[in-house]
Protein backbone atom coordinates (compact mmCIF):
# COMPACT_ATOMS: atom_id res chain seq x y z
CA MET A 1 -133.85 -66.52 22.79
CA LYS A 2 -135.17 -70.00 23.60
CA GLN A 3 -138.73 -68.76 23.25
CA VAL A 4 -137.96 -67.22 19.86
CA ILE A 5 -136.54 -70.55 18.68
CA LYS A 6 -139.69 -72.33 19.83
CA ILE A 7 -141.87 -69.84 17.99
CA ILE A 8 -139.88 -70.20 14.75
CA THR A 9 -139.71 -74.00 15.01
CA GLY A 10 -143.52 -74.33 14.78
CA PRO A 11 -143.99 -72.88 11.26
CA LEU A 12 -140.65 -74.43 10.23
CA LEU A 13 -141.95 -77.90 11.10
CA PHE A 14 -145.15 -77.03 9.24
CA ALA A 15 -143.19 -76.11 6.12
CA ILE A 16 -141.04 -79.25 6.29
CA ILE A 17 -144.09 -81.52 6.67
CA CYS A 18 -145.96 -79.79 3.85
CA ILE A 19 -143.03 -79.99 1.44
CA SER A 20 -142.27 -83.61 2.33
CA LEU A 21 -145.86 -84.82 2.02
CA ASN A 22 -146.54 -82.77 -1.10
CA SER A 23 -143.72 -84.56 -2.86
CA VAL A 24 -145.25 -87.95 -1.99
CA SER A 25 -149.02 -88.45 -2.21
CA PHE A 26 -150.59 -86.17 0.35
CA ASN A 27 -151.19 -83.15 -1.85
CA ALA A 28 -154.80 -83.84 -2.85
CA ASN A 29 -157.29 -81.41 -1.32
CA ASN A 30 -154.48 -79.78 0.66
CA MET A 31 -154.31 -82.70 3.11
CA HIS A 32 -150.55 -82.11 3.45
CA ILE A 33 -151.31 -78.65 4.84
CA ALA A 34 -153.79 -80.06 7.36
CA ILE A 35 -151.25 -82.63 8.58
CA GLY A 36 -148.56 -79.95 8.74
CA LEU A 37 -150.91 -77.83 10.83
CA VAL A 38 -151.39 -80.75 13.25
CA VAL A 39 -147.63 -80.84 13.81
CA TRP A 40 -147.37 -77.05 14.13
CA MET A 41 -150.19 -76.74 16.65
CA SER A 42 -149.03 -79.80 18.60
CA TYR A 43 -145.51 -78.39 18.91
CA TRP A 44 -146.68 -74.97 20.04
CA TRP A 45 -149.14 -76.49 22.51
CA VAL A 46 -146.53 -78.86 23.96
CA THR A 47 -143.75 -76.26 24.23
CA ARG A 48 -146.07 -73.32 25.02
CA ALA A 49 -144.15 -71.25 22.49
CA VAL A 50 -147.06 -68.81 22.59
CA ASP A 51 -150.20 -68.71 24.70
CA LEU A 52 -152.39 -71.79 24.20
CA ALA A 53 -155.31 -69.66 23.00
CA VAL A 54 -153.16 -68.02 20.31
CA THR A 55 -152.30 -71.43 18.84
CA ALA A 56 -156.00 -72.33 18.87
CA PHE A 57 -156.77 -69.74 16.17
CA LEU A 58 -154.28 -71.10 13.63
CA PRO A 59 -156.94 -73.19 11.80
CA ILE A 60 -158.80 -70.01 10.86
CA ILE A 61 -155.64 -68.24 9.71
CA LEU A 62 -154.30 -71.15 7.66
CA ASN A 63 -157.68 -71.90 6.10
CA SER A 64 -158.06 -68.26 5.04
CA ILE A 65 -154.74 -68.54 3.21
CA PHE A 66 -154.93 -72.05 1.69
CA GLU A 67 -158.74 -72.48 1.50
CA MET A 68 -158.66 -76.12 2.60
CA THR A 69 -162.40 -76.23 3.26
CA ALA A 70 -165.41 -73.93 3.65
CA MET A 71 -164.55 -71.31 6.27
CA SER A 72 -168.02 -71.59 7.81
CA SER A 73 -167.32 -75.20 8.82
CA VAL A 74 -164.13 -74.09 10.58
CA ILE A 75 -165.53 -71.02 12.33
CA SER A 76 -168.59 -72.89 13.58
CA ASN A 77 -166.33 -74.84 15.95
CA TYR A 78 -165.67 -71.65 17.92
CA ALA A 79 -169.37 -71.24 18.75
CA SER A 80 -170.54 -74.84 19.10
CA GLU A 81 -173.00 -76.16 21.68
CA THR A 82 -170.12 -77.48 23.75
CA ILE A 83 -168.56 -74.02 23.87
CA ILE A 84 -171.88 -72.75 25.25
CA LEU A 85 -171.82 -75.51 27.89
CA LEU A 86 -168.26 -74.58 28.89
CA PHE A 87 -169.23 -70.96 29.13
CA GLY A 88 -172.25 -71.69 31.32
CA SER A 89 -170.45 -74.08 33.66
CA SER A 90 -167.60 -71.59 34.07
CA ILE A 91 -170.03 -68.88 35.19
CA LEU A 92 -171.64 -71.25 37.71
CA SER A 93 -168.20 -72.13 39.09
CA VAL A 94 -167.43 -68.43 39.53
CA SER A 95 -170.74 -68.03 41.36
CA MET A 96 -169.78 -70.79 43.80
CA GLU A 97 -166.39 -69.19 44.33
CA ASN A 98 -167.81 -65.70 44.86
CA THR A 99 -170.24 -66.92 47.53
CA GLY A 100 -167.60 -69.06 49.27
CA LEU A 101 -169.66 -72.18 48.63
CA ASP A 102 -166.68 -74.10 47.23
CA ARG A 103 -164.66 -73.61 50.44
CA ARG A 104 -167.65 -74.49 52.61
CA ILE A 105 -168.18 -77.78 50.76
CA ALA A 106 -164.52 -78.73 51.12
CA ALA A 107 -164.28 -77.77 54.81
CA THR A 108 -167.55 -79.55 55.66
CA PHE A 109 -166.31 -82.77 54.11
CA LEU A 110 -162.90 -82.59 55.73
CA LYS A 111 -163.93 -81.77 59.29
CA VAL A 112 -165.47 -85.21 59.74
CA ILE A 113 -162.10 -87.01 59.63
CA GLY A 114 -159.66 -87.30 62.50
CA ASP A 115 -155.91 -86.79 62.71
CA ASN A 116 -154.92 -90.22 61.38
CA LEU A 117 -152.67 -89.61 58.36
CA ARG A 118 -154.00 -92.54 56.34
CA LYS A 119 -157.57 -91.30 56.72
CA GLN A 120 -156.41 -87.77 55.91
CA LEU A 121 -154.72 -88.86 52.69
CA ILE A 122 -157.61 -91.02 51.55
CA PHE A 123 -160.11 -88.29 52.33
CA TRP A 124 -158.23 -85.52 50.49
CA PHE A 125 -157.78 -87.84 47.53
CA VAL A 126 -161.42 -89.00 47.42
CA VAL A 127 -162.89 -85.53 48.04
CA SER A 128 -160.83 -84.04 45.21
CA SER A 129 -161.95 -86.91 42.97
CA ILE A 130 -165.64 -86.47 43.82
CA MET A 131 -165.61 -82.70 43.40
CA SER A 132 -163.73 -82.84 40.10
CA ALA A 133 -166.34 -85.20 38.66
CA PHE A 134 -168.76 -82.25 38.55
CA LEU A 135 -166.55 -79.16 38.68
CA PRO A 136 -163.68 -78.09 36.38
CA ASN A 137 -160.40 -79.68 37.49
CA VAL A 138 -158.61 -76.38 37.81
CA VAL A 139 -161.35 -75.00 40.07
CA VAL A 140 -161.21 -78.01 42.42
CA CYS A 141 -157.42 -78.03 42.63
CA ALA A 142 -157.25 -74.25 43.12
CA THR A 143 -159.85 -74.52 45.91
CA LEU A 144 -158.55 -77.53 47.85
CA THR A 145 -154.81 -76.83 47.64
CA PRO A 146 -154.82 -73.57 49.65
CA ILE A 147 -157.18 -75.14 52.21
CA ALA A 148 -154.79 -78.09 52.62
CA PHE A 149 -151.82 -75.73 52.84
CA SER A 150 -153.51 -73.70 55.59
CA MET A 151 -154.23 -76.89 57.52
CA LEU A 152 -150.63 -78.07 57.13
CA LYS A 153 -149.38 -74.70 58.32
CA PHE A 154 -151.65 -74.97 61.37
CA ALA A 155 -150.22 -78.45 62.05
CA GLY A 156 -146.60 -77.24 61.79
CA GLU A 157 -145.95 -78.63 58.29
CA ALA A 158 -145.74 -75.31 56.43
CA ASP A 159 -142.41 -76.08 54.68
CA ILE A 160 -143.89 -78.36 52.04
CA ALA A 161 -140.54 -79.02 50.35
CA LYS A 162 -139.21 -80.57 53.58
CA SER A 163 -142.48 -82.14 54.71
CA SER A 164 -143.15 -85.64 53.41
CA ILE A 165 -146.69 -85.40 54.81
CA GLY A 166 -147.40 -82.04 53.19
CA SER A 167 -145.88 -83.09 49.88
CA LYS A 168 -147.96 -86.25 49.71
CA ILE A 169 -151.23 -84.49 50.57
CA LEU A 170 -150.77 -81.72 47.98
CA LEU A 171 -149.59 -84.18 45.34
CA TYR A 172 -152.55 -86.51 45.75
CA ILE A 173 -155.04 -83.68 45.64
CA ALA A 174 -153.76 -83.01 42.11
CA TYR A 175 -153.84 -86.72 41.26
CA GLY A 176 -157.37 -87.13 42.63
CA VAL A 177 -158.60 -84.18 40.59
CA GLY A 178 -157.38 -85.82 37.39
CA ILE A 179 -158.93 -89.21 38.15
CA GLY A 180 -162.25 -87.75 39.28
CA GLY A 181 -162.43 -85.71 36.10
CA LEU A 182 -162.69 -88.95 34.13
CA ALA A 183 -165.88 -89.98 35.95
CA THR A 184 -168.30 -87.65 34.11
CA PRO A 185 -168.32 -85.41 31.03
CA LEU A 186 -168.50 -82.41 33.38
CA GLY A 187 -165.05 -83.26 34.78
CA GLY A 188 -163.18 -81.05 32.36
CA VAL A 189 -162.97 -79.47 28.93
CA MET A 190 -161.05 -82.49 27.60
CA ASN A 191 -164.09 -84.71 28.24
CA LEU A 192 -166.32 -82.39 26.26
CA VAL A 193 -163.90 -82.81 23.36
CA THR A 194 -164.63 -86.53 23.54
CA VAL A 195 -168.39 -85.98 23.75
CA ASP A 196 -168.30 -83.69 20.73
CA TYR A 197 -166.41 -86.22 18.61
CA LEU A 198 -168.63 -89.10 19.74
CA GLN A 199 -171.62 -87.08 18.55
CA GLN A 200 -169.88 -86.40 15.24
CA VAL A 201 -169.04 -90.09 14.75
CA THR A 202 -172.52 -91.37 15.63
CA GLY A 203 -174.58 -88.45 14.38
CA ALA A 204 -176.67 -88.65 17.55
CA GLU A 205 -176.83 -86.87 20.89
CA TYR A 206 -174.58 -88.41 23.55
CA PHE A 207 -176.14 -88.95 26.98
CA TYR A 208 -174.01 -88.32 30.07
CA THR A 209 -175.25 -91.46 31.84
CA SER A 210 -173.63 -93.52 29.08
CA TRP A 211 -170.27 -91.96 29.95
CA VAL A 212 -170.55 -92.81 33.65
CA LEU A 213 -171.41 -96.45 32.98
CA ARG A 214 -168.52 -97.00 30.58
CA PHE A 215 -165.82 -95.25 32.58
CA LEU A 216 -166.90 -96.55 36.00
CA PRO A 217 -164.60 -99.64 35.89
CA PHE A 218 -161.60 -97.50 34.98
CA VAL A 219 -162.28 -94.89 37.67
CA ALA A 220 -162.79 -97.59 40.32
CA VAL A 221 -159.50 -99.31 39.50
CA LEU A 222 -157.68 -95.98 39.32
CA LEU A 223 -158.96 -94.94 42.76
CA ILE A 224 -158.05 -98.27 44.38
CA SER A 225 -154.61 -98.56 42.75
CA ASN A 226 -153.71 -94.95 43.52
CA ILE A 227 -154.77 -95.30 47.17
CA ILE A 228 -152.72 -98.50 47.56
CA TYR A 229 -149.69 -96.81 46.03
CA MET A 230 -150.25 -93.65 48.10
CA LEU A 231 -150.38 -95.55 51.41
CA ARG A 232 -147.54 -97.98 50.70
CA ASP A 233 -145.09 -96.07 52.93
CA VAL A 234 -147.56 -94.64 55.48
CA LYS A 235 -147.88 -96.42 58.84
CA LYS A 236 -151.25 -96.97 60.49
CA SER A 237 -150.03 -95.01 63.54
CA ASP A 238 -148.90 -91.92 61.58
CA SER A 239 -150.94 -88.81 62.36
CA LEU A 240 -151.34 -85.15 61.46
CA SER A 241 -152.19 -83.56 64.78
CA GLY A 242 -154.50 -80.56 64.75
CA SER A 243 -156.16 -81.16 61.35
CA LYS A 244 -159.61 -81.95 62.72
CA GLU A 245 -159.44 -78.92 65.02
CA TYR A 246 -158.48 -76.72 62.06
CA PHE A 247 -161.50 -77.68 59.95
CA SER A 248 -163.88 -77.39 62.88
CA LYS A 249 -162.69 -73.80 63.41
CA GLU A 250 -162.89 -73.14 59.67
CA CYS A 251 -166.55 -74.23 59.55
CA GLU A 252 -167.40 -72.21 62.65
CA SER A 253 -165.84 -69.08 61.16
CA MET A 254 -168.04 -69.39 58.06
CA GLY A 255 -171.23 -69.26 60.07
CA LYS A 256 -174.55 -70.40 58.66
CA MET A 257 -175.00 -71.00 54.96
CA THR A 258 -176.15 -67.79 53.30
CA LYS A 259 -179.07 -67.47 50.92
CA ALA A 260 -176.64 -66.69 48.09
CA GLU A 261 -174.73 -69.91 48.74
CA LYS A 262 -177.94 -71.94 48.79
CA LEU A 263 -179.12 -70.46 45.51
CA SER A 264 -175.73 -71.03 43.87
CA LEU A 265 -175.83 -74.65 45.00
CA VAL A 266 -179.39 -75.10 43.72
CA LEU A 267 -178.50 -73.71 40.29
CA PHE A 268 -175.42 -75.89 39.91
CA ALA A 269 -177.25 -78.98 41.17
CA ALA A 270 -180.18 -78.30 38.83
CA ALA A 271 -177.90 -77.95 35.80
CA THR A 272 -176.02 -81.13 36.68
CA VAL A 273 -179.09 -83.28 37.43
CA LEU A 274 -180.98 -82.11 34.34
CA SER A 275 -177.94 -82.80 32.15
CA PHE A 276 -177.66 -86.37 33.40
CA ALA A 277 -181.43 -86.90 33.20
CA ARG A 278 -181.58 -85.69 29.59
CA SER A 279 -183.01 -88.98 28.28
CA ALA A 280 -186.09 -88.57 30.53
CA TYR A 281 -187.33 -85.37 28.85
CA GLN A 282 -185.66 -85.47 25.43
CA ALA A 283 -188.91 -86.25 23.64
CA LEU A 284 -190.78 -83.44 25.41
CA LEU A 285 -188.04 -80.78 25.04
CA PRO A 286 -185.74 -81.92 22.21
CA GLY A 287 -183.98 -78.57 22.02
CA LEU A 288 -183.15 -78.26 25.73
CA LYS A 289 -179.72 -79.89 25.64
CA PRO A 290 -177.15 -79.73 28.52
CA ALA A 291 -175.40 -76.74 26.90
CA TYR A 292 -178.54 -74.61 27.12
CA ILE A 293 -179.46 -75.87 30.58
CA PHE A 294 -176.11 -74.69 31.90
CA LEU A 295 -176.49 -71.37 30.07
CA ILE A 296 -179.94 -70.78 31.59
CA CYS A 297 -178.69 -71.54 35.12
CA ALA A 298 -175.60 -69.39 34.52
CA LEU A 299 -177.71 -66.40 33.50
CA LEU A 300 -179.95 -66.89 36.54
CA SER A 301 -176.86 -66.72 38.77
CA PHE A 302 -176.53 -63.03 37.84
CA LEU A 303 -179.79 -62.42 39.71
CA ILE A 304 -178.51 -63.76 43.05
CA LYS A 305 -177.84 -61.13 45.71
CA ASN A 306 -175.63 -61.19 48.80
CA ASN A 307 -177.00 -60.31 52.24
CA ASP A 308 -175.89 -56.70 51.75
CA GLY A 309 -177.93 -56.40 48.56
CA SER A 310 -175.01 -56.56 46.12
CA TYR A 311 -175.08 -59.02 43.25
CA VAL A 312 -172.94 -62.16 43.58
CA ASN A 313 -172.01 -62.09 39.90
CA LYS A 314 -171.21 -59.00 37.88
CA TRP A 315 -169.98 -59.38 34.34
CA ASN A 316 -166.79 -57.34 34.77
CA GLY A 317 -165.70 -59.62 37.60
CA VAL A 318 -166.95 -62.89 36.11
CA GLN A 319 -165.20 -62.49 32.76
CA LYS A 320 -161.83 -62.19 34.53
CA LYS A 321 -162.31 -65.57 36.21
CA ILE A 322 -163.58 -67.53 33.20
CA SER A 323 -160.88 -69.73 31.67
CA TRP A 324 -161.16 -68.34 28.16
CA GLU A 325 -157.91 -70.02 27.20
CA LEU A 326 -159.28 -73.53 27.79
CA ILE A 327 -162.44 -72.67 25.88
CA PHE A 328 -160.46 -71.47 22.87
CA VAL A 329 -158.10 -74.48 23.00
CA PHE A 330 -161.15 -76.73 22.88
CA ALA A 331 -162.54 -74.83 19.89
CA GLY A 332 -159.18 -74.82 18.11
CA GLY A 333 -158.88 -78.57 18.51
CA LEU A 334 -162.31 -79.10 16.97
CA ALA A 335 -161.44 -76.77 14.11
CA LEU A 336 -158.24 -78.73 13.50
CA GLY A 337 -160.28 -81.94 13.43
CA THR A 338 -162.59 -80.39 10.83
CA LEU A 339 -159.64 -79.62 8.57
CA ILE A 340 -158.20 -83.12 9.02
CA ASN A 341 -161.50 -84.72 8.04
CA ASN A 342 -162.55 -82.37 5.23
CA THR A 343 -159.21 -82.50 3.41
CA GLY A 344 -158.97 -86.30 3.48
CA ALA A 345 -155.97 -86.21 5.84
CA ALA A 346 -157.90 -88.36 8.32
CA GLN A 347 -158.17 -91.24 5.87
CA ALA A 348 -154.52 -90.84 4.87
CA LEU A 349 -153.36 -91.01 8.49
CA GLY A 350 -155.52 -94.07 9.05
CA ASP A 351 -154.04 -95.81 6.02
CA PHE A 352 -150.56 -95.02 7.30
CA ALA A 353 -151.37 -96.54 10.72
CA ARG A 354 -152.73 -99.67 9.08
CA ASN A 355 -149.57 -100.06 7.02
CA SER A 356 -147.49 -99.56 10.18
CA GLY A 357 -148.81 -102.76 11.74
CA LEU A 358 -151.46 -101.46 14.15
CA ASN A 359 -154.45 -103.79 13.94
CA GLY A 360 -156.77 -102.81 16.76
CA GLY A 361 -155.34 -105.17 19.36
CA PHE A 362 -153.66 -104.87 22.76
CA ILE A 363 -150.56 -103.14 21.35
CA MET A 364 -152.69 -100.39 19.85
CA ILE A 365 -154.40 -99.85 23.23
CA LEU A 366 -151.00 -99.68 24.93
CA VAL A 367 -149.63 -97.21 22.36
CA ILE A 368 -152.67 -94.91 22.54
CA LEU A 369 -152.68 -94.86 26.35
CA ALA A 370 -148.93 -94.31 26.63
CA MET A 371 -148.89 -91.50 24.08
CA THR A 372 -151.89 -89.65 25.49
CA ILE A 373 -150.62 -89.91 29.08
CA ILE A 374 -147.19 -88.64 28.03
CA LEU A 375 -148.74 -85.76 26.07
CA SER A 376 -151.02 -84.89 29.01
CA ASP A 377 -147.94 -84.69 31.21
CA ILE A 378 -146.12 -82.41 28.81
CA THR A 379 -148.97 -80.09 27.91
CA SER A 380 -152.56 -79.45 29.01
CA ASN A 381 -155.16 -82.23 29.05
CA THR A 382 -157.39 -80.15 26.78
CA ALA A 383 -154.67 -79.64 24.19
CA THR A 384 -153.90 -83.36 24.28
CA ALA A 385 -157.55 -84.22 23.66
CA ALA A 386 -157.77 -81.68 20.84
CA VAL A 387 -154.82 -83.29 19.06
CA SER A 388 -155.17 -86.99 19.89
CA ILE A 389 -158.91 -87.72 19.52
CA PRO A 390 -159.17 -86.79 15.81
CA ILE A 391 -155.97 -88.75 15.08
CA VAL A 392 -157.38 -91.83 16.83
CA ILE A 393 -160.55 -91.52 14.76
CA SER A 394 -158.41 -91.26 11.63
CA ILE A 395 -156.48 -94.42 12.54
CA CYS A 396 -159.73 -96.32 13.12
CA SER A 397 -161.05 -95.12 9.78
CA GLY A 398 -157.95 -96.43 8.04
CA LEU A 399 -158.22 -99.76 9.82
CA GLU A 400 -161.97 -99.85 9.13
CA ILE A 401 -162.82 -100.54 12.77
CA ASN A 402 -165.38 -99.02 15.14
CA PRO A 403 -163.79 -95.83 16.56
CA ILE A 404 -166.02 -95.56 19.67
CA PRO A 405 -164.06 -97.82 22.07
CA TRP A 406 -160.78 -96.31 20.90
CA ILE A 407 -162.05 -92.81 21.61
CA TYR A 408 -162.81 -94.04 25.13
CA VAL A 409 -159.29 -95.46 25.45
CA ALA A 410 -157.70 -92.19 24.36
CA THR A 411 -159.89 -90.27 26.80
CA ILE A 412 -158.49 -92.25 29.73
CA GLY A 413 -154.95 -91.16 28.86
CA VAL A 414 -156.09 -87.60 28.22
CA ASN A 415 -157.40 -87.32 31.79
CA ILE A 416 -154.48 -88.93 33.61
CA SER A 417 -151.08 -87.33 34.12
CA TYR A 418 -148.63 -87.74 36.97
CA THR A 419 -145.04 -86.70 36.42
CA LEU A 420 -144.59 -83.05 35.39
CA PRO A 421 -145.74 -79.76 37.03
CA THR A 422 -147.87 -78.73 34.06
CA SER A 423 -151.58 -77.93 33.91
CA ILE A 424 -153.31 -78.30 37.32
CA ARG A 425 -150.18 -79.94 38.79
CA ALA A 426 -148.52 -76.52 38.72
CA ILE A 427 -150.87 -75.39 41.50
CA PRO A 428 -149.39 -77.51 44.36
CA VAL A 429 -145.89 -76.64 43.09
CA GLY A 430 -146.82 -73.01 43.69
CA TYR A 431 -147.37 -73.91 47.36
CA GLY A 432 -143.95 -75.49 47.77
CA LEU A 433 -144.24 -79.00 46.33
CA GLU A 434 -140.93 -80.02 44.78
CA PRO A 435 -141.20 -80.99 41.07
CA LYS A 436 -138.57 -83.70 41.60
CA TYR A 437 -140.82 -85.32 44.22
CA MET A 438 -143.71 -85.24 41.75
CA PHE A 439 -141.56 -86.86 39.06
CA LYS A 440 -140.22 -89.49 41.49
CA GLU A 441 -143.73 -90.54 42.50
CA GLY A 442 -145.28 -89.97 39.09
CA TRP A 443 -143.19 -92.03 36.70
CA LYS A 444 -143.70 -95.24 38.68
CA LEU A 445 -147.42 -94.61 39.05
CA SER A 446 -147.67 -93.84 35.33
CA LEU A 447 -146.25 -97.26 34.43
CA ILE A 448 -148.61 -99.01 36.84
CA VAL A 449 -151.63 -97.15 35.49
CA ILE A 450 -150.73 -97.68 31.82
CA GLY A 451 -150.49 -101.42 32.48
CA LEU A 452 -153.74 -101.64 34.45
CA MET A 453 -155.76 -99.47 32.08
CA SER A 454 -154.47 -101.35 29.03
CA VAL A 455 -155.53 -104.72 30.46
CA ILE A 456 -159.00 -103.48 31.50
CA ALA A 457 -159.58 -101.73 28.17
CA TYR A 458 -158.54 -104.87 26.26
CA LEU A 459 -160.86 -107.11 28.31
CA LEU A 460 -163.79 -104.73 27.83
CA LEU A 461 -163.09 -104.40 24.12
CA MET A 462 -162.90 -108.16 23.62
CA TYR A 463 -165.63 -109.45 25.91
CA VAL A 464 -168.07 -106.60 26.65
CA PRO A 465 -169.93 -105.38 23.52
CA PHE A 466 -171.49 -102.61 25.63
CA PHE A 467 -168.08 -100.87 25.74
CA SER A 468 -168.06 -100.41 21.98
CA GLU A 469 -171.39 -98.58 21.92
CA VAL A 470 -172.54 -95.10 22.99
């Protein structure tokens, strides 16, 4: 019954918003319908009234009924270059999983540390951050969490709910994945939402190196502050006996790196390096953008064979492991943004924000960060990006200020979430982590991070012109 109420509430909110705005001054070009759709989709995404992907197709349905803008401009969002990039990177991730390369990378990193608990915690946290900078967050979390659980079981800490050590390790794997995802555009679908909107705003191709340079201060502070908070109640003498032995045995059992693993690694490395080095060959190959590089490498992965002669990737198996839902959520968010812009709703929302007292200062930074972090906790990071980024652009338009730094600010909040077992944080909960422990640790860390990120963003906005450029 609760689910039925959630489903009904979505279109009901849509109707209320449309009627209310239509009676005021939001009826021109059907902008009241676009704003109502924002509320409808946001509610369904937050409450998960229906599958996330189902909500993502509402822009097509509503536009076919109300004809808010040309349907071609809406549908094109579901087959954009970024969708191609997502598709290609997903296939490469499946290739790494099918060969066992992902587990080998994790075990190789982790065998070099000893049994000291502080070193263990820092290493799990940093490794998850590094891996998630180049691999989808869900892939990294789903790979590292079972490895950590197996190690904890080997060390006699299998009951995660009763193990403070086990709970902390699993929790900070999830936290590290979120922070690392902010480091590069490849860290998650939500970052590609940002890239797409930056390209729309500037009308130019966005280079991945620009992202790394601008988010580096935030990632550095996040890593340091999270580690300090993580170790606040861990003594230097605390240990997790048997962990080093476990990973040594794990690496031995894998044997030598297979040819299939090596080729999978080469393809992923090639796609990543060429994407970041785009500015070096743009003039020579203007059409070879990161999306197509990843697609080429993804298609080549279907030619890799295992030692027994079987193919590593077969379409029937690959398609079951691709996160189609995230891809469609991304596309649906872009389509929603198209409707907001083309109907004039973006300008109307911006004017409303300006009249509400927001003026582009510290308070606006604080509000954007707080709201995006809260939304990321409640729903998926991708859904949050799909809803929040176009609204931030609309606010900036109304205030007549440069939207670029504010898009960056919103992206920080989109990537970070601490308190609730939603999105990737549901994975460690599935291995026994208590949600109440996550909330207890998360709400305090959220306040710390909101404060730190707001101060850094304000200083960069005021004193570093580089931050306001692409």
